[in-house]
């Protein structure tokens, strides 16, 4: 896009939020909810809706920041906005 070879790029919102630049703009065309997986015995499995604050005491895995740094940044931002440091394993 910046070199004039593309008109637009389809990406995920966290990429745009993490990689903001004055030269690019974006428009949300669809909202994708976040998903978590867990064993049925986990107390959170009984909830119909899990909020990011519910993950404060959880240890969880995420995609390595080596492969998707913007996704890792988005998870960090969500947790920090909820008032905690994520306990993530990669």
N, C-alpha and C. Protein backbone atom coordinates (compact mmCIF):
# COMPACT_ATOMS: atom_id res chain seq x y z
N UNK A 1 0.83 -1.19 0.00
CA UNK A 1 0.00 0.00 0.00
C UNK A 1 0.87 1.25 0.00
N UNK A 2 1.86 1.29 0.89
CA UNK A 2 2.69 2.48 0.99
C UNK A 2 3.52 2.71 -0.27
N UNK A 3 3.83 1.63 -1.00
CA UNK A 3 4.59 1.74 -2.24
C UNK A 3 3.71 1.86 -3.47
N UNK A 4 2.39 1.89 -3.28
CA UNK A 4 1.46 2.05 -4.38
C UNK A 4 1.13 0.78 -5.13
N UNK A 5 1.49 -0.39 -4.61
CA UNK A 5 1.23 -1.65 -5.29
C UNK A 5 -0.13 -2.25 -4.93
N UNK A 6 -0.69 -1.85 -3.79
CA UNK A 6 -1.97 -2.38 -3.33
C UNK A 6 -2.92 -1.23 -3.03
N UNK A 7 -4.22 -1.50 -3.22
CA UNK A 7 -5.23 -0.51 -2.86
C UNK A 7 -5.61 -0.62 -1.39
N UNK A 8 -5.70 -1.84 -0.90
CA UNK A 8 -6.05 -2.05 0.50
C UNK A 8 -5.56 -3.40 0.94
N UNK A 9 -5.56 -3.60 2.23
CA UNK A 9 -5.16 -4.88 2.81
C UNK A 9 -6.19 -5.31 3.83
N UNK A 10 -6.52 -6.58 3.83
CA UNK A 10 -7.46 -7.14 4.80
C UNK A 10 -6.63 -7.70 5.94
N UNK A 11 -6.89 -7.23 7.14
CA UNK A 11 -6.12 -7.67 8.30
C UNK A 11 -7.03 -7.73 9.51
N UNK A 12 -6.47 -8.01 10.64
CA UNK A 12 -7.24 -8.06 11.89
C UNK A 12 -7.07 -6.74 12.63
N UNK A 13 -8.06 -6.40 13.43
CA UNK A 13 -8.08 -5.11 14.10
C UNK A 13 -6.87 -4.89 14.99
N UNK A 14 -6.41 -5.92 15.69
CA UNK A 14 -5.29 -5.70 16.60
C UNK A 14 -4.03 -5.28 15.85
N UNK A 15 -3.88 -5.73 14.59
CA UNK A 15 -2.73 -5.26 13.81
C UNK A 15 -2.81 -3.75 13.61
N UNK A 16 -3.96 -3.26 13.26
CA UNK A 16 -4.10 -1.83 13.00
C UNK A 16 -3.94 -1.02 14.28
N UNK A 17 -4.47 -1.53 15.38
CA UNK A 17 -4.36 -0.81 16.64
C UNK A 17 -2.92 -0.77 17.13
N UNK A 18 -2.18 -1.85 16.92
CA UNK A 18 -0.80 -1.92 17.40
C UNK A 18 0.18 -1.23 16.46
N UNK A 19 -0.15 -1.15 15.18
CA UNK A 19 0.77 -0.61 14.19
C UNK A 19 0.26 0.69 13.57
N UNK A 20 -0.30 1.55 14.38
CA UNK A 20 -0.88 2.80 13.87
C UNK A 20 0.18 3.67 13.21
N UNK A 21 -0.21 4.28 12.13
CA UNK A 21 0.67 5.19 11.42
C UNK A 21 -0.18 6.31 10.82
N UNK A 22 0.43 7.44 10.61
CA UNK A 22 -0.29 8.58 10.03
C UNK A 22 -0.61 8.36 8.55
N UNK A 23 0.08 7.42 7.92
CA UNK A 23 -0.10 7.19 6.50
C UNK A 23 -1.22 6.21 6.17
N UNK A 24 -1.68 5.46 7.16
CA UNK A 24 -2.71 4.44 6.93
C UNK A 24 -3.96 4.75 7.73
N UNK A 25 -5.08 4.35 7.21
CA UNK A 25 -6.34 4.44 7.93
C UNK A 25 -7.02 3.08 7.82
N UNK A 26 -7.95 2.80 8.69
CA UNK A 26 -8.66 1.52 8.63
C UNK A 26 -10.12 1.70 8.95
N UNK A 27 -10.89 0.74 8.54
CA UNK A 27 -12.33 0.71 8.78
C UNK A 27 -12.69 -0.69 9.23
N UNK A 28 -13.43 -0.82 10.33
CA UNK A 28 -13.86 -2.12 10.81
C UNK A 28 -15.02 -2.60 9.95
N UNK A 29 -14.88 -3.79 9.34
CA UNK A 29 -15.96 -4.32 8.51
C UNK A 29 -16.67 -5.50 9.16
N UNK A 30 -16.07 -6.05 10.23
CA UNK A 30 -16.70 -7.15 10.94
C UNK A 30 -16.05 -7.26 12.31
N UNK A 31 -16.81 -7.60 13.32
CA UNK A 31 -16.27 -7.73 14.66
C UNK A 31 -16.10 -9.22 14.96
N UNK A 32 -14.90 -9.59 15.39
CA UNK A 32 -14.59 -10.98 15.72
C UNK A 32 -14.39 -11.08 17.23
N UNK A 33 -15.20 -11.86 17.93
CA UNK A 33 -15.01 -11.98 19.37
C UNK A 33 -13.76 -12.80 19.70
N UNK A 34 -13.22 -12.55 20.86
CA UNK A 34 -12.08 -13.34 21.34
C UNK A 34 -12.63 -14.65 21.87
N UNK A 35 -11.84 -15.69 21.79
CA UNK A 35 -12.26 -17.00 22.29
C UNK A 35 -11.19 -17.56 23.21
N UNK A 36 -11.62 -18.30 24.21
CA UNK A 36 -10.71 -19.02 25.09
C UNK A 36 -11.17 -20.47 25.17
N UNK A 37 -10.22 -21.35 25.35
CA UNK A 37 -10.53 -22.77 25.51
C UNK A 37 -10.09 -23.23 26.88
N UNK A 38 -10.82 -24.19 27.45
CA UNK A 38 -10.49 -24.68 28.79
C UNK A 38 -11.13 -26.04 29.00
N UNK A 39 -10.69 -26.74 30.03
CA UNK A 39 -11.32 -28.01 30.41
C UNK A 39 -12.70 -27.74 30.98
N UNK A 40 -13.58 -28.70 30.83
CA UNK A 40 -14.94 -28.55 31.36
C UNK A 40 -14.97 -28.34 32.86
N UNK A 41 -13.96 -28.84 33.58
CA UNK A 41 -13.91 -28.70 35.03
C UNK A 41 -13.49 -27.31 35.50
N UNK A 42 -13.03 -26.47 34.61
CA UNK A 42 -12.64 -25.12 34.98
C UNK A 42 -13.89 -24.32 35.36
N UNK A 43 -13.86 -23.61 36.49
CA UNK A 43 -15.04 -22.83 36.90
C UNK A 43 -15.51 -21.83 35.84
N UNK A 44 -14.61 -21.32 35.02
CA UNK A 44 -15.02 -20.37 33.98
C UNK A 44 -15.85 -21.03 32.89
N UNK A 45 -15.75 -22.34 32.76
CA UNK A 45 -16.51 -23.06 31.72
C UNK A 45 -18.01 -22.98 31.98
N UNK A 46 -18.39 -22.69 33.20
CA UNK A 46 -19.82 -22.61 33.55
C UNK A 46 -20.42 -21.24 33.20
N UNK A 47 -19.56 -20.27 32.92
CA UNK A 47 -20.04 -18.93 32.60
C UNK A 47 -20.49 -18.85 31.15
N UNK A 48 -21.54 -18.11 30.91
CA UNK A 48 -22.01 -17.91 29.54
C UNK A 48 -21.12 -16.91 28.80
N UNK A 49 -20.63 -15.91 29.52
CA UNK A 49 -19.77 -14.89 28.95
C UNK A 49 -18.59 -14.67 29.88
N UNK A 50 -17.39 -14.75 29.35
CA UNK A 50 -16.18 -14.52 30.13
C UNK A 50 -15.66 -13.14 29.80
N UNK A 51 -15.39 -12.37 30.84
CA UNK A 51 -14.81 -11.03 30.68
C UNK A 51 -13.30 -11.15 30.85
N UNK A 52 -12.56 -10.20 30.29
CA UNK A 52 -11.10 -10.25 30.39
C UNK A 52 -10.66 -10.25 31.86
N UNK A 53 -11.41 -9.59 32.74
CA UNK A 53 -11.08 -9.56 34.16
C UNK A 53 -11.12 -10.96 34.77
N UNK A 54 -11.93 -11.86 34.20
CA UNK A 54 -12.03 -13.23 34.71
C UNK A 54 -10.72 -14.00 34.54
N UNK A 55 -9.84 -13.52 33.68
CA UNK A 55 -8.58 -14.22 33.41
C UNK A 55 -7.44 -13.79 34.33
N UNK A 56 -7.73 -12.87 35.24
CA UNK A 56 -6.67 -12.31 36.08
C UNK A 56 -5.90 -13.38 36.86
N UNK A 57 -6.55 -14.38 37.39
CA UNK A 57 -5.89 -15.41 38.20
C UNK A 57 -5.49 -16.63 37.39
N UNK A 58 -5.68 -16.58 36.08
CA UNK A 58 -5.42 -17.74 35.21
C UNK A 58 -4.03 -17.68 34.60
N UNK A 59 -3.44 -18.86 34.43
CA UNK A 59 -2.25 -19.02 33.60
C UNK A 59 -2.76 -19.47 32.25
N UNK A 60 -2.28 -18.85 31.18
CA UNK A 60 -2.77 -19.24 29.87
C UNK A 60 -1.67 -19.14 28.82
N UNK A 61 -1.89 -19.80 27.72
CA UNK A 61 -0.94 -19.76 26.61
C UNK A 61 -1.48 -18.83 25.54
N UNK A 62 -0.57 -18.32 24.77
CA UNK A 62 -0.93 -17.45 23.66
C UNK A 62 0.07 -17.70 22.54
N UNK A 63 -0.22 -17.17 21.39
CA UNK A 63 0.70 -17.26 20.27
C UNK A 63 1.96 -16.48 20.62
N UNK A 64 3.10 -17.01 20.29
CA UNK A 64 4.37 -16.39 20.62
C UNK A 64 4.49 -14.99 20.01
N UNK A 65 4.99 -14.04 20.79
CA UNK A 65 5.21 -12.70 20.24
C UNK A 65 6.26 -12.69 19.13
N UNK A 66 7.05 -13.75 19.02
CA UNK A 66 8.00 -13.85 17.91
C UNK A 66 7.29 -13.97 16.58
N UNK A 67 6.09 -14.58 16.58
CA UNK A 67 5.33 -14.79 15.35
C UNK A 67 4.28 -13.71 15.12
N UNK A 68 3.63 -13.28 16.17
CA UNK A 68 2.58 -12.26 16.02
C UNK A 68 2.70 -11.24 17.16
N UNK A 69 3.68 -10.35 17.07
CA UNK A 69 3.87 -9.37 18.15
C UNK A 69 2.66 -8.48 18.38
N UNK A 70 1.92 -8.16 17.32
CA UNK A 70 0.76 -7.28 17.51
C UNK A 70 -0.35 -7.99 18.28
N UNK A 71 -0.52 -9.31 18.07
CA UNK A 71 -1.53 -10.06 18.82
C UNK A 71 -1.14 -10.09 20.30
N UNK A 72 0.11 -10.35 20.57
CA UNK A 72 0.58 -10.35 21.95
C UNK A 72 0.39 -8.99 22.59
N UNK A 73 0.66 -7.93 21.84
CA UNK A 73 0.45 -6.57 22.34
C UNK A 73 -1.01 -6.29 22.64
N UNK A 74 -1.92 -6.82 21.80
CA UNK A 74 -3.35 -6.63 22.03
C UNK A 74 -3.79 -7.32 23.31
N UNK A 75 -3.29 -8.55 23.55
CA UNK A 75 -3.63 -9.27 24.79
C UNK A 75 -3.09 -8.50 25.99
N UNK A 76 -1.85 -8.05 25.91
CA UNK A 76 -1.27 -7.24 27.00
C UNK A 76 -2.12 -6.00 27.27
N UNK A 77 -2.50 -5.30 26.21
CA UNK A 77 -3.31 -4.09 26.37
C UNK A 77 -4.65 -4.38 27.04
N UNK A 78 -5.31 -5.46 26.60
CA UNK A 78 -6.60 -5.83 27.21
C UNK A 78 -6.45 -6.10 28.70
N UNK A 79 -5.42 -6.86 29.06
CA UNK A 79 -5.20 -7.19 30.47
C UNK A 79 -4.84 -5.96 31.28
N UNK A 80 -3.97 -5.12 30.74
CA UNK A 80 -3.58 -3.91 31.46
C UNK A 80 -4.76 -2.98 31.67
N UNK A 81 -5.63 -2.85 30.66
CA UNK A 81 -6.84 -2.04 30.81
C UNK A 81 -7.76 -2.60 31.89
N UNK A 82 -7.71 -3.93 32.09
CA UNK A 82 -8.52 -4.58 33.12
C UNK A 82 -7.82 -4.53 34.48
N UNK A 83 -6.58 -4.01 34.52
CA UNK A 83 -5.89 -3.80 35.80
C UNK A 83 -4.99 -4.92 36.26
N UNK A 84 -4.53 -5.79 35.34
CA UNK A 84 -3.63 -6.85 35.76
C UNK A 84 -2.60 -7.16 34.68
N UNK A 85 -1.53 -7.83 35.12
CA UNK A 85 -0.48 -8.30 34.23
C UNK A 85 -0.80 -9.74 33.82
N UNK A 86 -0.88 -10.04 32.53
CA UNK A 86 -1.24 -11.40 32.12
C UNK A 86 -0.15 -12.41 32.47
N UNK A 87 -0.54 -13.59 32.91
CA UNK A 87 0.38 -14.68 33.21
C UNK A 87 0.36 -15.63 32.01
N UNK A 88 1.07 -15.23 30.95
CA UNK A 88 1.06 -15.99 29.69
C UNK A 88 2.30 -16.84 29.54
N UNK A 89 2.11 -18.01 28.95
CA UNK A 89 3.19 -18.90 28.58
C UNK A 89 3.22 -18.98 27.07
N UNK A 90 4.38 -19.09 26.48
CA UNK A 90 4.49 -19.16 25.03
C UNK A 90 5.09 -20.46 24.59
